[in-house]
Amino acid sequence: MTLPSVFLSLRTELLAFARRRTDMHGADDIVQDVYLNLCSRANIEHWREPRAFLFRTIGNLIIDRWRVQQRQLTYLDNECNTEDIVCPQPNSEGRLYSKQQIARLVDALDQLPEMTRHAFILNRIDGLTHIDIATRLG
């Protein structure tokens, strides 16, 4: 019994196991990493239960990666100010897109009857309730 033969016979099950515990791309990477890691240093003849050993190794690697990810998120939350990372000004593409959206909104508002447009603006811009708008517009 060799590692490649055991691994290939269980590969579908190992991927399904990893995918239930992490995202699809992460599962593929984890299963591949386990195989490469074990190829370089494992002696399968000493394993009593190769199937259980592979599943356990994949489970442990998933937990290790999750812990690293949590540490990174904690570090970013504690150490980084997002204003230092994100540019507060939109790029030229973002500005153009915003201008186009505003132009579309203005065109749509211009097509509404005057009272409907006024009610819409009172609701969406001024934040008035339907009752307040009805009272204000009579």
C-alpha atoms as a PDB file:
ATOM      1  CA  MET A   1       0.000   0.000   0.000  1.00  0.00           C
ATOM      2  CA  THR A   2       1.463   3.354  -1.066  1.00  0.00           C
ATOM      3  CA  LEU A   3       0.422   6.898  -0.237  1.00  0.00           C
ATOM      4  CA  PRO A   4      -0.466   7.761  -3.854  1.00  0.00           C
ATOM      5  CA  SER A   5      -2.723   4.711  -4.193  1.00  0.00           C
ATOM      6  CA  VAL A   6      -4.483   5.331  -0.849  1.00  0.00           C
ATOM      7  CA  PHE A   7      -4.755   9.038  -1.540  1.00  0.00           C
ATOM      8  CA  LEU A   8      -6.189   8.569  -5.040  1.00  0.00           C
ATOM      9  CA  SER A   9      -8.734   6.039  -3.808  1.00  0.00           C
ATOM     10  CA  LEU A  10      -9.939   8.503  -1.133  1.00  0.00           C
ATOM     11  CA  ARG A  11      -9.469  11.795  -3.020  1.00  0.00           C
ATOM     12  CA  THR A  12     -13.178  12.342  -3.772  1.00  0.00           C
ATOM     13  CA  GLU A  13     -14.143  11.663  -0.151  1.00  0.00           C
ATOM     14  CA  LEU A  14     -11.314  13.858   1.148  1.00  0.00           C
ATOM     15  CA  LEU A  15     -12.397  16.749  -1.082  1.00  0.00           C
ATOM     16  CA  ALA A  16     -16.030  16.391   0.017  1.00  0.00           C
ATOM     17  CA  PHE A  17     -14.927  16.338   3.648  1.00  0.00           C
ATOM     18  CA  ALA A  18     -12.802  19.488   3.196  1.00  0.00           C
ATOM     19  CA  ARG A  19     -15.517  21.307   1.217  1.00  0.00           C
ATOM     20  CA  ARG A  20     -18.025  20.803   4.019  1.00  0.00           C
ATOM     21  CA  ARG A  21     -15.642  22.603   6.359  1.00  0.00           C
ATOM     22  CA  THR A  22     -14.241  25.370   4.149  1.00  0.00           C
ATOM     23  CA  ASP A  23     -14.818  27.046   0.771  1.00  0.00           C
ATOM     24  CA  MET A  24     -14.420  25.093  -2.459  1.00  0.00           C
ATOM     25  CA  HIS A  25     -11.080  26.586  -3.550  1.00  0.00           C
ATOM     26  CA  GLY A  26      -9.682  26.333  -0.046  1.00  0.00           C
ATOM     27  CA  ALA A  27     -10.677  22.666   0.088  1.00  0.00           C
ATOM     28  CA  ASP A  28      -8.783  21.854  -3.079  1.00  0.00           C
ATOM     29  CA  ASP A  29      -5.688  23.612  -1.759  1.00  0.00           C
ATOM     30  CA  ILE A  30      -5.885  21.883   1.618  1.00  0.00           C
ATOM     31  CA  VAL A  31      -6.192  18.391   0.141  1.00  0.00           C
ATOM     32  CA  GLN A  32      -3.285  19.098  -2.222  1.00  0.00           C
ATOM     33  CA  ASP A  33      -1.149  20.503   0.609  1.00  0.00           C
ATOM     34  CA  VAL A  34      -1.792  17.455   2.783  1.00  0.00           C
ATOM     35  CA  TYR A  35      -0.750  15.143  -0.022  1.00  0.00           C
ATOM     36  CA  LEU A  36       2.448  17.077  -0.795  1.00  0.00           C
ATOM     37  CA  ASN A  37       3.341  17.370   2.883  1.00  0.00           C
ATOM     38  CA  LEU A  38       2.821  13.667   3.550  1.00  0.00           C
ATOM     39  CA  CYS A  39       4.697  12.619   0.398  1.00  0.00           C
ATOM     40  CA  SER A  40       7.796  14.364   1.594  1.00  0.00           C
ATOM     41  CA  ARG A  41       7.876  13.002   5.135  1.00  0.00           C
ATOM     42  CA  ALA A  42       5.362  10.232   5.803  1.00  0.00           C
ATOM     43  CA  ASN A  43       5.897   6.516   5.947  1.00  0.00           C
ATOM     44  CA  ILE A  44       2.489   4.994   5.266  1.00  0.00           C
ATOM     45  CA  GLU A  45       3.569   1.526   6.398  1.00  0.00           C
ATOM     46  CA  HIS A  46       3.522   2.747  10.004  1.00  0.00           C
ATOM     47  CA  TRP A  47      -0.084   3.979   9.825  1.00  0.00           C
ATOM     48  CA  ARG A  48      -2.639   1.650  11.378  1.00  0.00           C
ATOM     49  CA  GLU A  49      -5.581   3.403   9.679  1.00  0.00           C
ATOM     50  CA  PRO A  50      -4.444   5.367   6.590  1.00  0.00           C
ATOM     51  CA  ARG A  51      -7.983   6.578   5.836  1.00  0.00           C
ATOM     52  CA  ALA A  52      -8.499   7.972   9.331  1.00  0.00           C
ATOM     53  CA  PHE A  53      -5.025   9.477   9.322  1.00  0.00           C
ATOM     54  CA  LEU A  54      -5.689  11.390   6.087  1.00  0.00           C
ATOM     55  CA  PHE A  55      -9.075  12.690   7.269  1.00  0.00           C
ATOM     56  CA  ARG A  56      -7.584  13.726  10.609  1.00  0.00           C
ATOM     57  CA  THR A  57      -4.676  15.497   8.904  1.00  0.00           C
ATOM     58  CA  ILE A  58      -7.042  17.433   6.640  1.00  0.00           C
ATOM     59  CA  GLY A  59      -9.222  18.390   9.608  1.00  0.00           C
ATOM     60  CA  ASN A  60      -6.196  19.629  11.520  1.00  0.00           C
ATOM     61  CA  LEU A  61      -4.983  21.695   8.568  1.00  0.00           C
ATOM     62  CA  ILE A  62      -8.416  23.301   8.172  1.00  0.00           C
ATOM     63  CA  ILE A  63      -8.373  24.280  11.852  1.00  0.00           C
ATOM     64  CA  ASP A  64      -4.819  25.636  11.562  1.00  0.00           C
ATOM     65  CA  ARG A  65      -5.719  27.769   8.554  1.00  0.00           C
ATOM     66  CA  TRP A  66      -8.841  29.068  10.289  1.00  0.00           C
ATOM     67  CA  ARG A  67      -6.761  30.077  13.322  1.00  0.00           C
ATOM     68  CA  VAL A  68      -4.239  31.911  11.127  1.00  0.00           C
ATOM     69  CA  GLN A  69      -7.080  33.704   9.360  1.00  0.00           C
ATOM     70  CA  GLN A  70      -8.638  34.743  12.681  1.00  0.00           C
ATOM     71  CA  ARG A  71      -5.293  36.086  13.927  1.00  0.00           C
ATOM     72  CA  GLN A  72      -4.896  38.084  10.729  1.00  0.00           C
ATOM     73  CA  LEU A  73      -8.393  39.523  11.036  1.00  0.00           C
ATOM     74  CA  THR A  74      -7.798  40.405  14.687  1.00  0.00           C
ATOM     75  CA  TYR A  75      -4.520  42.071  13.784  1.00  0.00           C
ATOM     76  CA  LEU A  76      -6.155  44.070  11.008  1.00  0.00           C
ATOM     77  CA  ASP A  77      -9.021  45.111  13.271  1.00  0.00           C
ATOM     78  CA  ASN A  78      -6.693  46.202  16.056  1.00  0.00           C
ATOM     79  CA  GLU A  79      -3.731  47.638  14.179  1.00  0.00           C
ATOM     80  CA  CYS A  80      -4.997  49.125  10.949  1.00  0.00           C
ATOM     81  CA  ASN A  81      -7.117  52.156  10.364  1.00  0.00           C
ATOM     82  CA  THR A  82      -9.127  51.570   7.207  1.00  0.00           C
ATOM     83  CA  GLU A  83      -8.803  55.245   6.308  1.00  0.00           C
ATOM     84  CA  ASP A  84      -5.090  54.575   5.869  1.00  0.00           C
ATOM     85  CA  ILE A  85      -5.794  51.729   3.458  1.00  0.00           C
ATOM     86  CA  VAL A  86      -8.741  52.885   1.370  1.00  0.00           C
ATOM     87  CA  CYS A  87      -8.452  55.973  -0.783  1.00  0.00           C
ATOM     88  CA  PRO A  88     -11.265  58.335   0.278  1.00  0.00           C
ATOM     89  CA  GLN A  89     -11.548  59.718  -3.268  1.00  0.00           C
ATOM     90  CA  PRO A  90     -13.090  57.575  -5.994  1.00  0.00           C
ATOM     91  CA  ASN A  91     -10.984  56.980  -9.071  1.00  0.00           C
ATOM     92  CA  SER A  92     -11.953  58.509 -12.419  1.00  0.00           C
ATOM     93  CA  GLU A  93     -13.924  55.398 -13.395  1.00  0.00           C
ATOM     94  CA  GLY A  94     -15.883  55.583 -10.132  1.00  0.00           C
ATOM     95  CA  ARG A  95     -16.624  59.276 -10.630  1.00  0.00           C
ATOM     96  CA  LEU A  96     -17.830  58.661 -14.188  1.00  0.00           C
ATOM     97  CA  TYR A  97     -20.075  55.809 -13.037  1.00  0.00           C
ATOM     98  CA  SER A  98     -21.549  58.008 -10.284  1.00  0.00           C
ATOM     99  CA  LYS A  99     -22.228  60.836 -12.748  1.00  0.00           C
ATOM    100  CA  GLN A 100     -23.966  58.405 -15.091  1.00  0.00           C
ATOM    101  CA  GLN A 101     -26.113  57.055 -12.259  1.00  0.00           C
ATOM    102  CA  ILE A 102     -27.095  60.570 -11.192  1.00  0.00           C
ATOM    103  CA  ALA A 103     -27.986  61.486 -14.781  1.00  0.00           C
ATOM    104  CA  ARG A 104     -30.182  58.371 -15.017  1.00  0.00           C
ATOM    105  CA  LEU A 105     -31.901  59.269 -11.752  1.00  0.00           C
ATOM    106  CA  VAL A 106     -32.547  62.857 -12.891  1.00  0.00           C
ATOM    107  CA  ASP A 107     -33.978  61.575 -16.200  1.00  0.00           C
ATOM    108  CA  ALA A 108     -36.244  59.151 -14.354  1.00  0.00           C
ATOM    109  CA  LEU A 109     -37.425  61.864 -11.963  1.00  0.00           C
ATOM    110  CA  ASP A 110     -38.122  64.227 -14.874  1.00  0.00           C
ATOM    111  CA  GLN A 111     -40.480  61.649 -16.378  1.00  0.00           C
ATOM    112  CA  LEU A 112     -42.631  61.516 -13.226  1.00  0.00           C
ATOM    113  CA  PRO A 113     -45.674  63.759 -12.777  1.00  0.00           C
ATOM    114  CA  GLU A 114     -44.858  66.828 -10.637  1.00  0.00           C
ATOM    115  CA  MET A 115     -46.764  65.701  -7.496  1.00  0.00           C
ATOM    116  CA  THR A 116     -45.321  62.177  -7.683  1.00  0.00           C
ATOM    117  CA  ARG A 117     -41.791  63.550  -8.114  1.00  0.00           C
ATOM    118  CA  HIS A 118     -42.300  65.922  -5.180  1.00  0.00           C
ATOM    119  CA  ALA A 119     -43.642  63.067  -2.985  1.00  0.00           C
ATOM    120  CA  PHE A 120     -40.709  60.858  -3.983  1.00  0.00           C
ATOM    121  CA  ILE A 121     -38.176  63.544  -3.065  1.00  0.00           C
ATOM    122  CA  LEU A 122     -39.914  64.234   0.256  1.00  0.00           C
ATOM    123  CA  ASN A 123     -39.777  60.534   1.087  1.00  0.00           C
ATOM    124  CA  ARG A 124     -36.344  59.528  -0.200  1.00  0.00           C
ATOM    125  CA  ILE A 125     -34.381  62.733   0.301  1.00  0.00           C
ATOM    126  CA  ASP A 126     -36.110  64.439   3.225  1.00  0.00           C
ATOM    127  CA  GLY A 127     -37.056  61.172   4.928  1.00  0.00           C
ATOM    128  CA  LEU A 128     -40.708  62.038   5.517  1.00  0.00           C
ATOM    129  CA  THR A 129     -43.257  59.296   6.122  1.00  0.00           C
ATOM    130  CA  HIS A 130     -46.180  58.747   3.775  1.00  0.00           C
ATOM    131  CA  ILE A 131     -48.540  60.335   6.313  1.00  0.00           C
ATOM    132  CA  ASP A 132     -46.313  63.447   6.611  1.00  0.00           C
ATOM    133  CA  ILE A 133     -46.088  63.713   2.826  1.00  0.00           C
ATOM    134  CA  ALA A 134     -49.861  63.387   2.459  1.00  0.00           C
ATOM    135  CA  THR A 135     -50.395  66.100   5.062  1.00  0.00           C
ATOM    136  CA  ARG A 136     -47.845  68.404   3.467  1.00  0.00           C
ATOM    137  CA  LEU A 137     -49.180  67.934  -0.078  1.00  0.00           C
ATOM    138  CA  GLY A 138     -52.837  68.014   0.948  1.00  0.00           C
END
